[in-house]
Amino acid sequence: MEHLDLGQYDLLLFDLDDTLFDHSEAFENGLVDTIQQFHYLQEIGHSEFIQTFTKHNHLLWPRFSSNELNFHEFSLIRIKNTLKELNVSAEKEISLKFVKIF
């Protein structure tokens, strides 16, 4: 095996997104931990909430990645749409709290 001379490189990147670090599992664990902070969300099954939240995350992603939405707008709309689909009414302050905790 040849020795790799790293001196010729200015930058070394690692792909941590589901390669070295399971981003999907961390995402789901973060959602479960966040759901547990809101008693009225605990009545919804974790898998149903995660599936609905992930769906709205994917639907909004193109608008976020094209800078049409900033991260704060993306996060608020994502939870608002998730709660609406799950027939959960929540004041804006609750959505802001969810975003902050998550």
PDB file of N, CA and C in Angstrom:
ATOM      1  N   MET A   1       0.840  -1.174   0.000  1.00  0.00           N
ATOM      2  CA  MET A   1       0.000   0.000   0.000  1.00  0.00           C
ATOM      3  C   MET A   1       0.886   1.239   0.000  1.00  0.00           C
ATOM      4  N   GLU A   2       0.566   2.178  -0.883  1.00  0.00           N
ATOM      5  CA  GLU A   2       1.359   3.397  -0.982  1.00  0.00           C
ATOM      6  C   GLU A   2       0.967   4.399   0.092  1.00  0.00           C
ATOM      7  N   HIS A   3       1.955   5.181   0.484  1.00  0.00           N
ATOM      8  CA  HIS A   3       1.730   6.256   1.440  1.00  0.00           C
ATOM      9  C   HIS A   3       1.079   7.438   0.714  1.00  0.00           C
ATOM     10  N   LEU A   4       0.026   7.989   1.292  1.00  0.00           N
ATOM     11  CA  LEU A   4      -0.658   9.134   0.718  1.00  0.00           C
ATOM     12  C   LEU A   4      -0.057  10.404   1.296  1.00  0.00           C
ATOM     13  N   ASP A   5       0.499  11.243   0.451  1.00  0.00           N
ATOM     14  CA  ASP A   5       1.117  12.492   0.874  1.00  0.00           C
ATOM     15  C   ASP A   5       0.035  13.563   0.990  1.00  0.00           C
ATOM     16  N   LEU A   6      -0.409  13.841   2.217  1.00  0.00           N
ATOM     17  CA  LEU A   6      -1.466  14.829   2.441  1.00  0.00           C
ATOM     18  C   LEU A   6      -0.963  16.263   2.333  1.00  0.00           C
ATOM     19  N   GLY A   7       0.347  16.452   2.276  1.00  0.00           N
ATOM     20  CA  GLY A   7       0.921  17.783   2.168  1.00  0.00           C
ATOM     21  C   GLY A   7       0.555  18.498   0.887  1.00  0.00           C
ATOM     22  N   GLN A   8       0.146  17.758  -0.123  1.00  0.00           N
ATOM     23  CA  GLN A   8      -0.204  18.375  -1.397  1.00  0.00           C
ATOM     24  C   GLN A   8      -1.638  18.904  -1.421  1.00  0.00           C
ATOM     25  N   TYR A   9      -2.385  18.677  -0.351  1.00  0.00           N
ATOM     26  CA  TYR A   9      -3.784  19.095  -0.301  1.00  0.00           C
ATOM     27  C   TYR A   9      -3.955  20.272   0.660  1.00  0.00           C
ATOM     28  N   ASP A  10      -4.846  21.184   0.289  1.00  0.00           N
ATOM     29  CA  ASP A  10      -5.171  22.312   1.155  1.00  0.00           C
ATOM     30  C   ASP A  10      -6.378  22.016   2.033  1.00  0.00           C
ATOM     31  N   LEU A  11      -7.193  21.063   1.606  1.00  0.00           N
ATOM     32  CA  LEU A  11      -8.443  20.804   2.296  1.00  0.00           C
ATOM     33  C   LEU A  11      -8.782  19.328   2.189  1.00  0.00           C
ATOM     34  N   LEU A  12      -9.268  18.770   3.286  1.00  0.00           N
ATOM     35  CA  LEU A  12      -9.699  17.378   3.310  1.00  0.00           C
ATOM     36  C   LEU A  12     -11.116  17.358   3.864  1.00  0.00           C
ATOM     37  N   LEU A  13     -12.066  16.842   3.085  1.00  0.00           N
ATOM     38  CA  LEU A  13     -13.470  16.801   3.493  1.00  0.00           C
ATOM     39  C   LEU A  13     -13.916  15.366   3.725  1.00  0.00           C
ATOM     40  N   PHE A  14     -14.807  15.207   4.685  1.00  0.00           N
ATOM     41  CA  PHE A  14     -15.440  13.925   4.944  1.00  0.00           C
ATOM     42  C   PHE A  14     -16.936  14.079   4.730  1.00  0.00           C
ATOM     43  N   ASP A  15     -17.546  13.115   4.097  1.00  0.00           N
ATOM     44  CA  ASP A  15     -18.990  13.103   3.923  1.00  0.00           C
ATOM     45  C   ASP A  15     -19.594  12.451   5.158  1.00  0.00           C
ATOM     46  N   LEU A  16     -20.100  13.273   6.069  1.00  0.00           N
ATOM     47  CA  LEU A  16     -20.669  12.751   7.307  1.00  0.00           C
ATOM     48  C   LEU A  16     -22.145  12.416   7.176  1.00  0.00           C
ATOM     49  N   ASP A  17     -22.770  12.852   6.115  1.00  0.00           N
ATOM     50  CA  ASP A  17     -24.204  12.694   5.943  1.00  0.00           C
ATOM     51  C   ASP A  17     -24.566  11.256   5.596  1.00  0.00           C
ATOM     52  N   ASP A  18     -24.837  10.473   6.589  1.00  0.00           N
ATOM     53  CA  ASP A  18     -25.222   9.060   6.490  1.00  0.00           C
ATOM     54  C   ASP A  18     -24.078   8.142   6.059  1.00  0.00           C
ATOM     55  N   THR A  19     -22.872   8.636   6.024  1.00  0.00           N
ATOM     56  CA  THR A  19     -21.722   7.783   5.729  1.00  0.00           C
ATOM     57  C   THR A  19     -21.001   7.458   7.031  1.00  0.00           C
ATOM     58  N   LEU A  20     -20.425   8.465   7.633  1.00  0.00           N
ATOM     59  CA  LEU A  20     -19.755   8.282   8.921  1.00  0.00           C
ATOM     60  C   LEU A  20     -20.682   8.580  10.095  1.00  0.00           C
ATOM     61  N   PHE A  21     -21.725   9.321   9.824  1.00  0.00           N
ATOM     62  CA  PHE A  21     -22.687   9.724  10.839  1.00  0.00           C
ATOM     63  C   PHE A  21     -24.078   9.483  10.284  1.00  0.00           C
ATOM     64  N   ASP A  22     -24.902   8.733  10.995  1.00  0.00           N
ATOM     65  CA  ASP A  22     -26.252   8.410  10.529  1.00  0.00           C
ATOM     66  C   ASP A  22     -27.180   9.591  10.794  1.00  0.00           C
ATOM     67  N   HIS A  23     -27.247  10.491   9.814  1.00  0.00           N
ATOM     68  CA  HIS A  23     -28.046  11.706   9.933  1.00  0.00           C
ATOM     69  C   HIS A  23     -29.533  11.369  10.092  1.00  0.00           C
ATOM     70  N   SER A  24     -30.016  10.372   9.395  1.00  0.00           N
ATOM     71  CA  SER A  24     -31.433  10.003   9.460  1.00  0.00           C
ATOM     72  C   SER A  24     -31.831   9.567  10.865  1.00  0.00           C
ATOM     73  N   GLU A  25     -30.988   8.777  11.484  1.00  0.00           N
ATOM     74  CA  GLU A  25     -31.279   8.326  12.847  1.00  0.00           C
ATOM     75  C   GLU A  25     -31.246   9.501  13.826  1.00  0.00           C
ATOM     76  N   ALA A  26     -30.283  10.386  13.682  1.00  0.00           N
ATOM     77  CA  ALA A  26     -30.192  11.565  14.547  1.00  0.00           C
ATOM     78  C   ALA A  26     -31.412  12.467  14.347  1.00  0.00           C
ATOM     79  N   PHE A  27     -31.858  12.624  13.097  1.00  0.00           N
ATOM     80  CA  PHE A  27     -33.040  13.412  12.767  1.00  0.00           C
ATOM     81  C   PHE A  27     -34.263  12.845  13.485  1.00  0.00           C
ATOM     82  N   GLU A  28     -34.448  11.530  13.373  1.00  0.00           N
ATOM     83  CA  GLU A  28     -35.593  10.873  14.008  1.00  0.00           C
ATOM     84  C   GLU A  28     -35.507  10.950  15.530  1.00  0.00           C
ATOM     85  N   ASN A  29     -34.325  10.712  16.092  1.00  0.00           N
ATOM     86  CA  ASN A  29     -34.157  10.796  17.540  1.00  0.00           C
ATOM     87  C   ASN A  29     -34.440  12.211  18.041  1.00  0.00           C
ATOM     88  N   GLY A  30     -34.009  13.209  17.285  1.00  0.00           N
ATOM     89  CA  GLY A  30     -34.283  14.598  17.645  1.00  0.00           C
ATOM     90  C   GLY A  30     -35.770  14.898  17.634  1.00  0.00           C
ATOM     91  N   LEU A  31     -36.474  14.358  16.647  1.00  0.00           N
ATOM     92  CA  LEU A  31     -37.922  14.555  16.591  1.00  0.00           C
ATOM     93  C   LEU A  31     -38.617  13.888  17.765  1.00  0.00           C
ATOM     94  N   VAL A  32     -38.233  12.656  18.071  1.00  0.00           N
ATOM     95  CA  VAL A  32     -38.846  11.939  19.200  1.00  0.00           C
ATOM     96  C   VAL A  32     -38.596  12.713  20.497  1.00  0.00           C
ATOM     97  N   ASP A  33     -37.372  13.168  20.714  1.00  0.00           N
ATOM     98  CA  ASP A  33     -37.051  13.944  21.914  1.00  0.00           C
ATOM     99  C   ASP A  33     -37.878  15.228  21.966  1.00  0.00           C
ATOM    100  N   THR A  34     -38.067  15.865  20.829  1.00  0.00           N
ATOM    101  CA  THR A  34     -38.836  17.104  20.780  1.00  0.00           C
ATOM    102  C   THR A  34     -40.313  16.839  21.028  1.00  0.00           C
ATOM    103  N   ILE A  35     -40.856  15.801  20.414  1.00  0.00           N
ATOM    104  CA  ILE A  35     -42.269  15.444  20.604  1.00  0.00           C
ATOM    105  C   ILE A  35     -42.563  15.248  22.085  1.00  0.00           C
ATOM    106  N   GLN A  36     -41.635  14.643  22.799  1.00  0.00           N
ATOM    107  CA  GLN A  36     -41.846  14.362  24.218  1.00  0.00           C
ATOM    108  C   GLN A  36     -41.943  15.624  25.069  1.00  0.00           C
ATOM    109  N   GLN A  37     -41.540  16.754  24.525  1.00  0.00           N
ATOM    110  CA  GLN A  37     -41.641  18.032  25.240  1.00  0.00           C
ATOM    111  C   GLN A  37     -43.051  18.632  25.157  1.00  0.00           C
ATOM    112  N   PHE A  38     -43.889  18.073  24.278  1.00  0.00           N
ATOM    113  CA  PHE A  38     -45.234  18.604  24.051  1.00  0.00           C
ATOM    114  C   PHE A  38     -46.259  17.499  24.308  1.00  0.00           C
ATOM    115  N   HIS A  39     -46.977  17.614  25.429  1.00  0.00           N
ATOM    116  CA  HIS A  39     -47.882  16.544  25.836  1.00  0.00           C
ATOM    117  C   HIS A  39     -48.942  16.210  24.788  1.00  0.00           C
ATOM    118  N   TYR A  40     -49.451  17.196  24.059  1.00  0.00           N
ATOM    119  CA  TYR A  40     -50.499  16.931  23.074  1.00  0.00           C
ATOM    120  C   TYR A  40     -49.962  16.240  21.823  1.00  0.00           C
ATOM    121  N   LEU A  41     -48.658  16.275  21.599  1.00  0.00           N
ATOM    122  CA  LEU A  41     -48.077  15.570  20.455  1.00  0.00           C
ATOM    123  C   LEU A  41     -47.803  14.101  20.783  1.00  0.00           C
ATOM    124  N   GLN A  42     -47.737  13.791  22.060  1.00  0.00           N
ATOM    125  CA  GLN A  42     -47.456  12.412  22.461  1.00  0.00           C
ATOM    126  C   GLN A  42     -48.602  11.474  22.114  1.00  0.00           C
ATOM    127  N   GLU A  43     -49.804  12.038  21.911  1.00  0.00           N
ATOM    128  CA  GLU A  43     -50.954  11.219  21.514  1.00  0.00           C
ATOM    129  C   GLU A  43     -50.812  10.714  20.076  1.00  0.00           C
ATOM    130  N   ILE A  44     -50.024  11.411  19.286  1.00  0.00           N
ATOM    131  CA  ILE A  44     -49.770  11.003  17.901  1.00  0.00           C
ATOM    132  C   ILE A  44     -48.624   9.998  17.931  1.00  0.00           C
ATOM    133  N   GLY A  45     -48.750   8.940  17.200  1.00  0.00           N
ATOM    134  CA  GLY A  45     -47.671   7.962  17.145  1.00  0.00           C
ATOM    135  C   GLY A  45     -46.396   8.587  16.595  1.00  0.00           C
ATOM    136  N   HIS A  46     -45.259   8.215  17.174  1.00  0.00           N
ATOM    137  CA  HIS A  46     -43.974   8.764  16.738  1.00  0.00           C
ATOM    138  C   HIS A  46     -43.748   8.540  15.248  1.00  0.00           C
ATOM    139  N   SER A  47     -44.056   7.339  14.783  1.00  0.00           N
ATOM    140  CA  SER A  47     -43.780   7.042  13.368  1.00  0.00           C
ATOM    141  C   SER A  47     -44.668   7.882  12.453  1.00  0.00           C
ATOM    142  N   GLU A  48     -45.928   8.108  12.845  1.00  0.00           N
ATOM    143  CA  GLU A  48     -46.815   8.934  12.020  1.00  0.00           C
ATOM    144  C   GLU A  48     -46.319  10.383  11.990  1.00  0.00           C
ATOM    145  N   PHE A  49     -45.896  10.898  13.145  1.00  0.00           N
ATOM    146  CA  PHE A  49     -45.393  12.266  13.199  1.00  0.00           C
ATOM    147  C   PHE A  49     -44.126  12.399  12.357  1.00  0.00           C
ATOM    148  N   ILE A  50     -43.197  11.464  12.535  1.00  0.00           N
ATOM    149  CA  ILE A  50     -41.924  11.518  11.794  1.00  0.00           C
ATOM    150  C   ILE A  50     -42.176  11.424  10.294  1.00  0.00           C
ATOM    151  N   GLN A  51     -43.063  10.538   9.891  1.00  0.00           N
ATOM    152  CA  GLN A  51     -43.368  10.375   8.465  1.00  0.00           C
ATOM    153  C   GLN A  51     -43.967  11.664   7.889  1.00  0.00           C
ATOM    154  N   THR A  52     -44.893  12.273   8.605  1.00  0.00           N
ATOM    155  CA  THR A  52     -45.540  13.499   8.134  1.00  0.00           C
ATOM    156  C   THR A  52     -44.548  14.663   8.116  1.00  0.00           C
ATOM    157  N   PHE A  53     -43.761  14.797   9.178  1.00  0.00           N
ATOM    158  CA  PHE A  53     -42.763  15.867   9.273  1.00  0.00           C
ATOM    159  C   PHE A  53     -41.727  15.731   8.157  1.00  0.00           C
ATOM    160  N   THR A  54     -41.264  14.508   7.927  1.00  0.00           N
ATOM    161  CA  THR A  54     -40.272  14.249   6.886  1.00  0.00           C
ATOM    162  C   THR A  54     -40.838  14.557   5.504  1.00  0.00           C
ATOM    163  N   LYS A  55     -42.104  14.225   5.291  1.00  0.00           N
ATOM    164  CA  LYS A  55     -42.754  14.533   4.013  1.00  0.00           C
ATOM    165  C   LYS A  55     -42.738  16.042   3.758  1.00  0.00           C
ATOM    166  N   HIS A  56     -43.109  16.821   4.767  1.00  0.00           N
ATOM    167  CA  HIS A  56     -43.135  18.277   4.597  1.00  0.00           C
ATOM    168  C   HIS A  56     -41.721  18.851   4.496  1.00  0.00           C
ATOM    169  N   ASN A  57     -40.774  18.215   5.157  1.00  0.00           N
ATOM    170  CA  ASN A  57     -39.373  18.614   5.020  1.00  0.00           C
ATOM    171  C   ASN A  57     -38.933  18.473   3.559  1.00  0.00           C
ATOM    172  N   HIS A  58     -39.241  17.331   2.954  1.00  0.00           N
ATOM    173  CA  HIS A  58     -38.856  17.078   1.555  1.00  0.00           C
ATOM    174  C   HIS A  58     -39.603  17.988   0.584  1.00  0.00           C
ATOM    175  N   LEU A  59     -40.867  18.260   0.867  1.00  0.00           N
ATOM    176  CA  LEU A  59     -41.648  19.138  -0.017  1.00  0.00           C
ATOM    177  C   LEU A  59     -41.104  20.571  -0.020  1.00  0.00           C
ATOM    178  N   LEU A  60     -40.630  21.032   1.129  1.00  0.00           N
ATOM    179  CA  LEU A  60     -40.125  22.405   1.239  1.00  0.00           C
ATOM    180  C   LEU A  60     -38.650  22.543   0.878  1.00  0.00           C
ATOM    181  N   TRP A  61     -37.937  21.421   0.858  1.00  0.00           N
ATOM    182  CA  TRP A  61     -36.487  21.485   0.643  1.00  0.00           C
ATOM    183  C   TRP A  61     -36.067  22.254  -0.610  1.00  0.00           C
ATOM    184  N   PRO A  62     -36.728  22.062  -1.754  1.00  0.00           N
ATOM    185  CA  PRO A  62     -36.307  22.827  -2.947  1.00  0.00           C
ATOM    186  C   PRO A  62     -36.387  24.345  -2.737  1.00  0.00           C
ATOM    187  N   ARG A  63     -37.398  24.810  -2.031  1.00  0.00           N
ATOM    188  CA  ARG A  63     -37.532  26.250  -1.769  1.00  0.00           C
ATOM    189  C   ARG A  63     -36.446  26.735  -0.809  1.00  0.00           C
ATOM    190  N   PHE A  64     -36.070  25.875   0.141  1.00  0.00           N
ATOM    191  CA  PHE A  64     -35.005  26.233   1.081  1.00  0.00           C
ATOM    192  C   PHE A  64     -33.643  26.213   0.386  1.00  0.00           C
ATOM    193  N   SER A  65     -33.380  25.173  -0.372  1.00  0.00           N
ATOM    194  CA  SER A  65     -32.066  25.042  -1.012  1.00  0.00           C
ATOM    195  C   SER A  65     -31.845  26.082  -2.108  1.00  0.00           C
ATOM    196  N   SER A  66     -32.928  26.650  -2.645  1.00  0.00           N
ATOM    197  CA  SER A  66     -32.795  27.707  -3.651  1.00  0.00           C
ATOM    198  C   SER A  66     -32.827  29.099  -3.014  1.00  0.00           C
ATOM    199  N   ASN A  67     -32.802  29.145  -1.693  1.00  0.00           N
ATOM    200  CA  ASN A  67     -32.815  30.397  -0.915  1.00  0.00           C
ATOM    201  C   ASN A  67     -34.119  31.180  -1.031  1.00  0.00           C
ATOM    202  N   GLU A  68     -35.172  30.530  -1.496  1.00  0.00           N
ATOM    203  CA  GLU A  68     -36.484  31.180  -1.495  1.00  0.00           C
ATOM    204  C   GLU A  68     -36.980  31.328  -0.055  1.00  0.00           C
ATOM    205  N   LEU A  69     -36.632  30.348   0.784  1.00  0.00           N
ATOM    206  CA  LEU A  69     -36.948  30.383   2.210  1.00  0.00           C
ATOM    207  C   LEU A  69     -35.647  30.367   2.995  1.00  0.00           C
ATOM    208  N   ASN A  70     -35.577  31.176   4.054  1.00  0.00           N
ATOM    209  CA  ASN A  70     -34.426  31.054   4.943  1.00  0.00           C
ATOM    210  C   ASN A  70     -34.697  29.915   5.927  1.00  0.00           C
ATOM    211  N   PHE A  71     -33.721  29.570   6.740  1.00  0.00           N
ATOM    212  CA  PHE A  71     -33.868  28.409   7.621  1.00  0.00           C
ATOM    213  C   PHE A  71     -35.027  28.594   8.598  1.00  0.00           C
ATOM    214  N   HIS A  72     -35.177  29.780   9.129  1.00  0.00           N
ATOM    215  CA  HIS A  72     -36.254  30.037  10.086  1.00  0.00           C
ATOM    216  C   HIS A  72     -37.623  29.852   9.428  1.00  0.00           C
ATOM    217  N   GLU A  73     -37.806  30.420   8.238  1.00  0.00           N
ATOM    218  CA  GLU A  73     -39.070  30.267   7.511  1.00  0.00           C
ATOM    219  C   GLU A  73     -39.327  28.798   7.179  1.00  0.00           C
ATOM    220  N   PHE A  74     -38.296  28.131   6.679  1.00  0.00           N
ATOM    221  CA  PHE A  74     -38.382  26.705   6.348  1.00  0.00           C
ATOM    222  C   PHE A  74     -38.836  25.897   7.561  1.00  0.00           C
ATOM    223  N   SER A  75     -38.214  26.148   8.701  1.00  0.00           N
ATOM    224  CA  SER A  75     -38.518  25.400   9.921  1.00  0.00           C
ATOM    225  C   SER A  75     -39.938  25.648  10.396  1.00  0.00           C
ATOM    226  N   LEU A  76     -40.374  26.893  10.377  1.00  0.00           N
ATOM    227  CA  LEU A  76     -41.730  27.222  10.828  1.00  0.00           C
ATOM    228  C   LEU A  76     -42.801  26.658   9.898  1.00  0.00           C
ATOM    229  N   ILE A  77     -42.603  26.798   8.606  1.00  0.00           N
ATOM    230  CA  ILE A  77     -43.592  26.273   7.656  1.00  0.00           C
ATOM    231  C   ILE A  77     -43.647  24.752   7.744  1.00  0.00           C
ATOM    232  N   ARG A  78     -42.514  24.131   7.914  1.00  0.00           N
ATOM    233  CA  ARG A  78     -42.446  22.659   8.006  1.00  0.00           C
ATOM    234  C   ARG A  78     -43.279  22.155   9.180  1.00  0.00           C
ATOM    235  N   ILE A  79     -43.124  22.759  10.368  1.00  0.00           N
ATOM    236  CA  ILE A  79     -43.892  22.289  11.523  1.00  0.00           C
ATOM    237  C   ILE A  79     -45.356  22.695  11.402  1.00  0.00           C
ATOM    238  N   LYS A  80     -45.617  23.889  10.871  1.00  0.00           N
ATOM    239  CA  LYS A  80     -47.005  24.342  10.689  1.00  0.00           C
ATOM    240  C   LYS A  80     -47.764  23.381   9.774  1.00  0.00           C
ATOM    241  N   ASN A  81     -47.147  23.010   8.643  1.00  0.00           N
ATOM    242  CA  ASN A  81     -47.795  22.095   7.697  1.00  0.00           C
ATOM    243  C   ASN A  81     -47.958  20.696   8.286  1.00  0.00           C
ATOM    244  N   THR A  82     -46.984  20.271   9.066  1.00  0.00           N
ATOM    245  CA  THR A  82     -47.074  18.956   9.714  1.00  0.00           C
ATOM    246  C   THR A  82     -48.243  18.923  10.685  1.00  0.00           C
ATOM    247  N   LEU A  83     -48.326  19.925  11.549  1.00  0.00           N
ATOM    248  CA  LEU A  83     -49.404  19.971  12.539  1.00  0.00           C
ATOM    249  C   LEU A  83     -50.765  20.083  11.866  1.00  0.00           C
ATOM    250  N   LYS A  84     -50.839  20.865  10.803  1.00  0.00           N
ATOM    251  CA  LYS A  84     -52.102  21.015  10.078  1.00  0.00           C
ATOM    252  C   LYS A  84     -52.553  19.669   9.510  1.00  0.00           C
ATOM    253  N   GLU A  85     -51.631  18.951   8.887  1.00  0.00           N
ATOM    254  CA  GLU A  85     -51.995  17.644   8.317  1.00  0.00           C
ATOM    255  C   GLU A  85     -52.420  16.653   9.397  1.00  0.00           C
ATOM    256  N   LEU A  86     -51.830  16.767  10.580  1.00  0.00           N
ATOM    257  CA  LEU A  86     -52.171  15.866  11.682  1.00  0.00           C
ATOM    258  C   LEU A  86     -53.358  16.370  12.505  1.00  0.00           C
ATOM    259  N   ASN A  87     -54.000  17.439  12.022  1.00  0.00           N
ATOM    260  CA  ASN A  87     -55.160  18.035  12.692  1.00  0.00           C
ATOM    261  C   ASN A  87     -54.859  18.478  14.122  1.00  0.00           C
ATOM    262  N   VAL A  88     -53.693  19.069  14.302  1.00  0.00           N
ATOM    263  CA  VAL A  88     -53.296  19.605  15.596  1.00  0.00           C
ATOM    264  C   VAL A  88     -53.237  21.121  15.449  1.00  0.00           C
ATOM    265  N   SER A  89     -54.052  21.812  16.240  1.00  0.00           N
ATOM    266  CA  SER A  89     -53.999  23.273  16.182  1.00  0.00           C
ATOM    267  C   SER A  89     -52.979  23.757  17.205  1.00  0.00           C
ATOM    268  N   ALA A  90     -52.172  24.692  16.782  1.00  0.00           N
ATOM    269  CA  ALA A  90     -51.131  25.229  17.660  1.00  0.00           C
ATOM    270  C   ALA A  90     -50.922  26.697  17.349  1.00  0.00           C
ATOM    271  N   GLU A  91     -50.753  27.468  18.395  1.00  0.00           N
ATOM    272  CA  GLU A  91     -50.457  28.883  18.214  1.00  0.00           C
ATOM    273  C   GLU A  91     -49.042  29.024  17.676  1.00  0.00           C
ATOM    274  N   LYS A  92     -48.768  30.183  17.093  1.00  0.00           N
ATOM    275  CA  LYS A  92     -47.451  30.427  16.508  1.00  0.00           C
ATOM    276  C   LYS A  92     -46.341  30.267  17.548  1.00  0.00           C
ATOM    277  N   GLU A  93     -46.620  30.663  18.794  1.00  0.00           N
ATOM    278  CA  GLU A  93     -45.612  30.542  19.851  1.00  0.00           C
ATOM    279  C   GLU A  93     -45.217  29.080  20.088  1.00  0.00           C
ATOM    280  N   ILE A  94     -46.186  28.182  19.948  1.00  0.00           N
ATOM    281  CA  ILE A  94     -45.910  26.750  20.118  1.00  0.00           C
ATOM    282  C   ILE A  94     -45.017  26.260  18.985  1.00  0.00           C
ATOM    283  N   SER A  95     -45.319  26.690  17.763  1.00  0.00           N
ATOM    284  CA  SER A  95     -44.484  26.311  16.621  1.00  0.00           C
ATOM    285  C   SER A  95     -43.066  26.844  16.783  1.00  0.00           C
ATOM    286  N   LEU A  96     -42.945  28.082  17.252  1.00  0.00           N
ATOM    287  CA  LEU A  96     -41.616  28.654  17.495  1.00  0.00           C
ATOM    288  C   LEU A  96     -40.863  27.861  18.558  1.00  0.00           C
ATOM    289  N   LYS A  97     -41.558  27.446  19.599  1.00  0.00           N
ATOM    290  CA  LYS A  97     -40.940  26.658  20.662  1.00  0.00           C
ATOM    291  C   LYS A  97     -40.467  25.305  20.108  1.00  0.00           C
ATOM    292  N   PHE A  98     -41.307  24.679  19.288  1.00  0.00           N
ATOM    293  CA  PHE A  98     -40.944  23.398  18.683  1.00  0.00           C
ATOM    294  C   PHE A  98     -39.666  23.550  17.863  1.00  0.00           C
ATOM    295  N   VAL A  99     -39.628  24.595  17.028  1.00  0.00           N
ATOM    296  CA  VAL A  99     -38.459  24.843  16.177  1.00  0.00           C
ATOM    297  C   VAL A  99     -37.209  25.047  17.028  1.00  0.00           C
ATOM    298  N   LYS A 100     -37.346  25.808  18.097  1.00  0.00           N
ATOM    299  CA  LYS A 100     -36.201  26.081  18.972  1.00  0.00           C
ATOM    300  C   LYS A 100     -35.696  24.798  19.641  1.00  0.00           C
ATOM    301  N   ILE A 101     -36.611  23.979  20.128  1.00  0.00           N
ATOM    302  CA  ILE A 101     -36.201  22.743  20.805  1.00  0.00           C
ATOM    303  C   ILE A 101     -35.590  21.752  19.815  1.00  0.00           C
ATOM    304  N   PHE A 102     -36.211  21.616  18.654  1.00  0.00           N
ATOM    305  CA  PHE A 102     -35.722  20.650  17.665  1.00  0.00           C
ATOM    306  C   PHE A 102     -34.374  21.089  17.129  1.00  0.00           C
TER     307      PHE A 102
END
